PDB file of N, CA and C in Angstrom:
ATOM      1  N   UNK A   1      85.572  76.411 123.394  1.00  0.00           N
ATOM      2  CA  UNK A   1      85.825  75.992 122.022  1.00  0.00           C
ATOM      3  C   UNK A   1      86.736  77.038 121.367  1.00  0.00           C
ATOM      4  N   UNK A   2      87.774  76.581 120.694  1.00  0.00           N
ATOM      5  CA  UNK A   2      88.712  77.504 120.048  1.00  0.00           C
ATOM      6  C   UNK A   2      88.111  78.076 118.767  1.00  0.00           C
ATOM      7  N   UNK A   3      88.707  79.147 118.302  1.00  0.00           N
ATOM      8  CA  UNK A   3      88.232  79.757 117.056  1.00  0.00           C
ATOM      9  C   UNK A   3      88.354  78.782 115.892  1.00  0.00           C
ATOM     10  N   UNK A   4      89.426  77.986 115.900  1.00  0.00           N
ATOM     11  CA  UNK A   4      89.624  77.013 114.829  1.00  0.00           C
ATOM     12  C   UNK A   4      88.507  75.967 114.847  1.00  0.00           C
ATOM     13  N   UNK A   5      88.141  75.524 116.036  1.00  0.00           N
ATOM     14  CA  UNK A   5      87.046  74.547 116.152  1.00  0.00           C
ATOM     15  C   UNK A   5      85.714  75.147 115.709  1.00  0.00           C
ATOM     16  N   UNK A   6      85.482  76.405 116.078  1.00  0.00           N
ATOM     17  CA  UNK A   6      84.254  77.084 115.649  1.00  0.00           C
ATOM     18  C   UNK A   6      84.221  77.190 114.131  1.00  0.00           C
ATOM     19  N   UNK A   7      85.357  77.562 113.546  1.00  0.00           N
ATOM     20  CA  UNK A   7      85.442  77.686 112.095  1.00  0.00           C
ATOM     21  C   UNK A   7      85.184  76.346 111.406  1.00  0.00           C
ATOM     22  N   UNK A   8      85.761  75.290 111.930  1.00  0.00           N
ATOM     23  CA  UNK A   8      85.547  73.958 111.351  1.00  0.00           C
ATOM     24  C   UNK A   8      84.076  73.580 111.429  1.00  0.00           C
ATOM     25  N   UNK A   9      83.447  73.860 112.566  1.00  0.00           N
ATOM     26  CA  UNK A   9      82.011  73.578 112.696  1.00  0.00           C
ATOM     27  C   UNK A   9      81.196  74.369 111.685  1.00  0.00           C
ATOM     28  N   UNK A  10      81.557  75.625 111.491  1.00  0.00           N
ATOM     29  CA  UNK A  10      80.844  76.452 110.509  1.00  0.00           C
ATOM     30  C   UNK A  10      81.025  75.908 109.098  1.00  0.00           C
ATOM     31  N   UNK A  11      82.262  75.534 108.767  1.00  0.00           N
ATOM     32  CA  UNK A  11      82.544  75.005 107.426  1.00  0.00           C
ATOM     33  C   UNK A  11      81.766  73.718 107.188  1.00  0.00           C
ATOM     34  N   UNK A  12      81.637  72.904 108.206  1.00  0.00           N
ATOM     35  CA  UNK A  12      80.885  71.654 108.055  1.00  0.00           C
ATOM     36  C   UNK A  12      79.423  71.903 107.722  1.00  0.00           C
ATOM     37  N   UNK A  13      78.917  73.088 108.032  1.00  0.00           N
ATOM     38  CA  UNK A  13      77.521  73.419 107.754  1.00  0.00           C
ATOM     39  C   UNK A  13      77.331  74.088 106.386  1.00  0.00           C
ATOM     40  N   UNK A  14      78.425  74.439 105.734  1.00  0.00           N
ATOM     41  CA  UNK A  14      78.341  75.092 104.428  1.00  0.00           C
ATOM     42  C   UNK A  14      77.977  74.047 103.374  1.00  0.00           C
ATOM     43  N   UNK A  15      77.027  74.359 102.520  1.00  0.00           N
ATOM     44  CA  UNK A  15      76.680  73.405 101.453  1.00  0.00           C
ATOM     45  C   UNK A  15      77.889  73.119 100.549  1.00  0.00           C
ATOM     46  N   UNK A  16      77.970  71.893 100.086  1.00  0.00           N
ATOM     47  CA  UNK A  16      79.081  71.439  99.249  1.00  0.00           C
ATOM     48  C   UNK A  16      79.328  72.382  98.075  1.00  0.00           C
ATOM     49  N   UNK A  17      78.276  72.921  97.511  1.00  0.00           N
ATOM     50  CA  UNK A  17      78.413  73.785  96.334  1.00  0.00           C
ATOM     51  C   UNK A  17      79.151  75.095  96.632  1.00  0.00           C
ATOM     52  N   UNK A  18      79.287  75.464  97.890  1.00  0.00           N
ATOM     53  CA  UNK A  18      79.985  76.702  98.268  1.00  0.00           C
ATOM     54  C   UNK A  18      81.411  76.471  98.767  1.00  0.00           C
ATOM     55  N   UNK A  19      81.813  75.230  98.903  1.00  0.00           N
ATOM     56  CA  UNK A  19      83.120  74.946  99.479  1.00  0.00           C
ATOM     57  C   UNK A  19      84.271  75.437  98.613  1.00  0.00           C
ATOM     58  N   UNK A  20      84.089  75.479  97.297  1.00  0.00           N
ATOM     59  CA  UNK A  20      85.134  76.041  96.435  1.00  0.00           C
ATOM     60  C   UNK A  20      85.387  77.508  96.780  1.00  0.00           C
ATOM     61  N   UNK A  21      84.332  78.248  97.050  1.00  0.00           N
ATOM     62  CA  UNK A  21      84.488  79.655  97.424  1.00  0.00           C
ATOM     63  C   UNK A  21      85.175  79.799  98.779  1.00  0.00           C
ATOM     64  N   UNK A  22      84.823  78.941  99.702  1.00  0.00           N
ATOM     65  CA  UNK A  22      85.462  78.972 101.021  1.00  0.00           C
ATOM     66  C   UNK A  22      86.954  78.695 100.867  1.00  0.00           C
ATOM     67  N   UNK A  23      87.294  77.686 100.075  1.00  0.00           N
ATOM     68  CA  UNK A  23      88.695  77.341  99.860  1.00  0.00           C
ATOM     69  C   UNK A  23      89.436  78.481  99.160  1.00  0.00           C
ATOM     70  N   UNK A  24      88.802  79.104  98.178  1.00  0.00           N
ATOM     71  CA  UNK A  24      89.415  80.257  97.509  1.00  0.00           C
ATOM     72  C   UNK A  24      89.709  81.372  98.507  1.00  0.00           C
ATOM     73  N   UNK A  25      88.785  81.608  99.437  1.00  0.00           N
ATOM     74  CA  UNK A  25      88.983  82.661 100.422  1.00  0.00           C
ATOM     75  C   UNK A  25      90.137  82.320 101.364  1.00  0.00           C
ATOM     76  N   UNK A  26      90.239  81.067 101.768  1.00  0.00           N
ATOM     77  CA  UNK A  26      91.349  80.650 102.630  1.00  0.00           C
ATOM     78  C   UNK A  26      92.673  80.856 101.901  1.00  0.00           C
ATOM     79  N   UNK A  27      92.728  80.502 100.614  1.00  0.00           N
ATOM     80  CA  UNK A  27      93.948  80.723  99.831  1.00  0.00           C
ATOM     81  C   UNK A  27      94.271  82.218  99.719  1.00  0.00           C
ATOM     82  N   UNK A  28      93.239  83.038  99.536  1.00  0.00           N
ATOM     83  CA  UNK A  28      93.428  84.487  99.492  1.00  0.00           C
ATOM     84  C   UNK A  28      94.058  84.988 100.791  1.00  0.00           C
ATOM     85  N   UNK A  29      93.549  84.523 101.925  1.00  0.00           N
ATOM     86  CA  UNK A  29      94.083  84.956 103.214  1.00  0.00           C
ATOM     87  C   UNK A  29      95.535  84.527 103.391  1.00  0.00           C
ATOM     88  N   UNK A  30      95.862  83.312 102.990  1.00  0.00           N
ATOM     89  CA  UNK A  30      97.242  82.836 103.098  1.00  0.00           C
ATOM     90  C   UNK A  30      98.174  83.682 102.237  1.00  0.00           C
ATOM     91  N   UNK A  31      97.725  84.035 101.044  1.00  0.00           N
ATOM     92  CA  UNK A  31      98.517  84.877 100.152  1.00  0.00           C
ATOM     93  C   UNK A  31      98.716  86.260 100.758  1.00  0.00           C
ATOM     94  N   UNK A  32      97.668  86.803 101.359  1.00  0.00           N
ATOM     95  CA  UNK A  32      97.760  88.117 101.992  1.00  0.00           C
ATOM     96  C   UNK A  32      98.756  88.102 103.142  1.00  0.00           C
ATOM     97  N   UNK A  33      98.768  87.044 103.928  1.00  0.00           N
ATOM     98  CA  UNK A  33      99.716  86.932 105.041  1.00  0.00           C
ATOM     99  C   UNK A  33     101.143  86.932 104.512  1.00  0.00           C
ATOM    100  N   UNK A  34     101.385  86.178 103.446  1.00  0.00           N
ATOM    101  CA  UNK A  34     102.726  86.122 102.854  1.00  0.00           C
ATOM    102  C   UNK A  34     103.140  87.491 102.337  1.00  0.00           C
ATOM    103  N   UNK A  35     102.228  88.184 101.655  1.00  0.00           N
ATOM    104  CA  UNK A  35     102.534  89.530 101.144  1.00  0.00           C
ATOM    105  C   UNK A  35     102.862  90.503 102.260  1.00  0.00           C
ATOM    106  N   UNK A  36     102.089  90.444 103.345  1.00  0.00           N
ATOM    107  CA  UNK A  36     102.332  91.353 104.467  1.00  0.00           C
ATOM    108  C   UNK A  36     103.701  91.095 105.085  1.00  0.00           C
ATOM    109  N   UNK A  37     104.088  89.824 105.198  1.00  0.00           N
ATOM    110  CA  UNK A  37     105.419  89.511 105.731  1.00  0.00           C
ATOM    111  C   UNK A  37     106.504  90.026 104.799  1.00  0.00           C
ATOM    112  N   UNK A  38     106.304  89.873 103.494  1.00  0.00           N
ATOM    113  CA  UNK A  38     107.283  90.366 102.527  1.00  0.00           C
ATOM    114  C   UNK A  38     107.381  91.889 102.582  1.00  0.00           C
ATOM    115  N   UNK A  39     106.243  92.562 102.664  1.00  0.00           N
ATOM    116  CA  UNK A  39     106.242  94.023 102.750  1.00  0.00           C
ATOM    117  C   UNK A  39     107.001  94.500 103.984  1.00  0.00           C
ATOM    118  N   UNK A  40     106.810  93.809 105.100  1.00  0.00           N
ATOM    119  CA  UNK A  40     107.514  94.164 106.335  1.00  0.00           C
ATOM    120  C   UNK A  40     109.014  93.966 106.174  1.00  0.00           C
ATOM    121  N   UNK A  41     109.400  92.851 105.563  1.00  0.00           N
ATOM    122  CA  UNK A  41     110.826  92.582 105.364  1.00  0.00           C
ATOM    123  C   UNK A  41     111.456  93.623 104.449  1.00  0.00           C
ATOM    124  N   UNK A  42     110.759  93.977 103.389  1.00  0.00           N
ATOM    125  CA  UNK A  42     111.286  94.969 102.441  1.00  0.00           C
ATOM    126  C   UNK A  42     111.385  96.340 103.103  1.00  0.00           C
ATOM    127  N   UNK A  43     110.384  96.699 103.895  1.00  0.00           N
ATOM    128  CA  UNK A  43     110.421  97.994 104.581  1.00  0.00           C
ATOM    129  C   UNK A  43     111.575  98.042 105.566  1.00  0.00           C
ATOM    130  N   UNK A  44     111.804  96.964 106.275  1.00  0.00           N
ATOM    131  CA  UNK A  44     112.914  96.919 107.220  1.00  0.00           C
ATOM    132  C   UNK A  44     114.246  97.025 106.518  1.00  0.00           C
ATOM    133  N   UNK A  45     114.365  96.360 105.380  1.00  0.00           N
ATOM    134  CA  UNK A  45     115.622  96.398 104.635  1.00  0.00           C
ATOM    135  C   UNK A  45     115.929  97.807 104.155  1.00  0.00           C
ATOM    136  N   UNK A  46     114.932  98.484 103.608  1.00  0.00           N
ATOM    137  CA  UNK A  46     115.191  99.826 103.084  1.00  0.00           C
ATOM    138  C   UNK A  46     115.543 100.814 104.197  1.00  0.00           C
ATOM    139  N   UNK A  47     114.965 100.633 105.382  1.00  0.00           N
ATOM    140  CA  UNK A  47     115.288 101.561 106.472  1.00  0.00           C
ATOM    141  C   UNK A  47     116.671 101.287 107.055  1.00  0.00           C
ATOM    142  N   UNK A  48     117.153 100.055 106.948  1.00  0.00           N
ATOM    143  CA  UNK A  48     118.472  99.722 107.478  1.00  0.00           C
ATOM    144  C   UNK A  48     119.588  99.832 106.435  1.00  0.00           C
ATOM    145  N   UNK A  49     119.210  99.942 105.176  1.00  0.00           N
ATOM    146  CA  UNK A  49     120.200  99.952 104.099  1.00  0.00           C
ATOM    147  C   UNK A  49     121.259 101.029 104.287  1.00  0.00           C
ATOM    148  N   UNK A  50     120.849 102.213 104.737  1.00  0.00           N
ATOM    149  CA  UNK A  50     121.813 103.316 104.905  1.00  0.00           C
ATOM    150  C   UNK A  50     122.911 102.951 105.901  1.00  0.00           C
ATOM    151  N   UNK A  51     122.555 102.176 106.936  1.00  0.00           N
ATOM    152  CA  UNK A  51     123.559 101.755 107.903  1.00  0.00           C
ATOM    153  C   UNK A  51     124.404 100.606 107.380  1.00  0.00           C
ATOM    154  N   UNK A  52     123.797  99.701 106.624  1.00  0.00           N
ATOM    155  CA  UNK A  52     124.530  98.547 106.099  1.00  0.00           C
ATOM    156  C   UNK A  52     125.613  98.958 105.106  1.00  0.00           C
ATOM    157  N   UNK A  53     125.395 100.053 104.421  1.00  0.00           N
ATOM    158  CA  UNK A  53     126.314 100.455 103.365  1.00  0.00           C
ATOM    159  C   UNK A  53     127.460 101.331 103.853  1.00  0.00           C
ATOM    160  N   UNK A  54     127.553 101.553 105.148  1.00  0.00           N
ATOM    161  CA  UNK A  54     128.635 102.375 105.700  1.00  0.00           C
ATOM    162  C   UNK A  54     129.945 101.584 105.738  1.00  0.00           C
ATOM    163  N   UNK A  55     131.062 102.249 105.477  1.00  0.00           N
ATOM    164  CA  UNK A  55     132.359 101.564 105.569  1.00  0.00           C
ATOM    165  C   UNK A  55     132.622 100.997 106.968  1.00  0.00           C
ATOM    166  N   UNK A  56     132.130 101.668 108.001  1.00  0.00           N
ATOM    167  CA  UNK A  56     132.309 101.188 109.369  1.00  0.00           C
ATOM    168  C   UNK A  56     131.638  99.825 109.565  1.00  0.00           C
ATOM    169  N   UNK A  57     130.539  99.650 108.898  1.00  0.00           N
ATOM    170  CA  UNK A  57     129.824  98.375 108.985  1.00  0.00           C
ATOM    171  C   UNK A  57     130.646  97.253 108.353  1.00  0.00           C
ATOM    172  N   UNK A  58     131.243  97.538 107.212  1.00  0.00           N
ATOM    173  CA  UNK A  58     132.114  96.547 106.572  1.00  0.00           C
ATOM    174  C   UNK A  58     133.284  96.191 107.471  1.00  0.00           C
ATOM    175  N   UNK A  59     133.886  97.194 108.090  1.00  0.00           N
ATOM    176  CA  UNK A  59     135.025  96.959 108.987  1.00  0.00           C
ATOM    177  C   UNK A  59     134.607  96.090 110.181  1.00  0.00           C
ATOM    178  N   UNK A  60     133.436  96.339 110.717  1.00  0.00           N
ATOM    179  CA  UNK A  60     132.984  95.598 111.888  1.00  0.00           C
ATOM    180  C   UNK A  60     132.771  94.121 111.581  1.00  0.00           C
ATOM    181  N   UNK A  61     132.375  93.796 110.361  1.00  0.00           N
ATOM    182  CA  UNK A  61     132.068  92.415 109.996  1.00  0.00           C
ATOM    183  C   UNK A  61     133.275  91.673 109.406  1.00  0.00           C
ATOM    184  N   UNK A  62     134.337  92.362 109.141  1.00  0.00           N
ATOM    185  CA  UNK A  62     135.456  91.745 108.431  1.00  0.00           C
ATOM    186  C   UNK A  62     136.128  90.625 109.229  1.00  0.00           C
ATOM    187  N   UNK A  63     136.166  90.725 110.536  1.00  0.00           N
ATOM    188  CA  UNK A  63     136.843  89.731 111.344  1.00  0.00           C
ATOM    189  C   UNK A  63     136.031  88.467 111.623  1.00  0.00           C
ATOM    190  N   UNK A  64     134.807  88.412 111.146  1.00  0.00           N
ATOM    191  CA  UNK A  64     133.955  87.250 111.437  1.00  0.00           C
ATOM    192  C   UNK A  64     134.049  86.180 110.389  1.00  0.00           C
TER     193      UNK A  64
END
């Protein structure tokens, strides 16, 4: 049984009155994943910025 199937089985056993909290937690996790991807992209950009701003870099891309 996959983790997703196990999770679905567990959710099916949660009382209806708690499902709003479960859904809120799933939304929290999705938001966290998006933030982590953004943080990674921003960190990569700042570390590469010094190379992107070199005149040699502009020259290399000019013919494309």
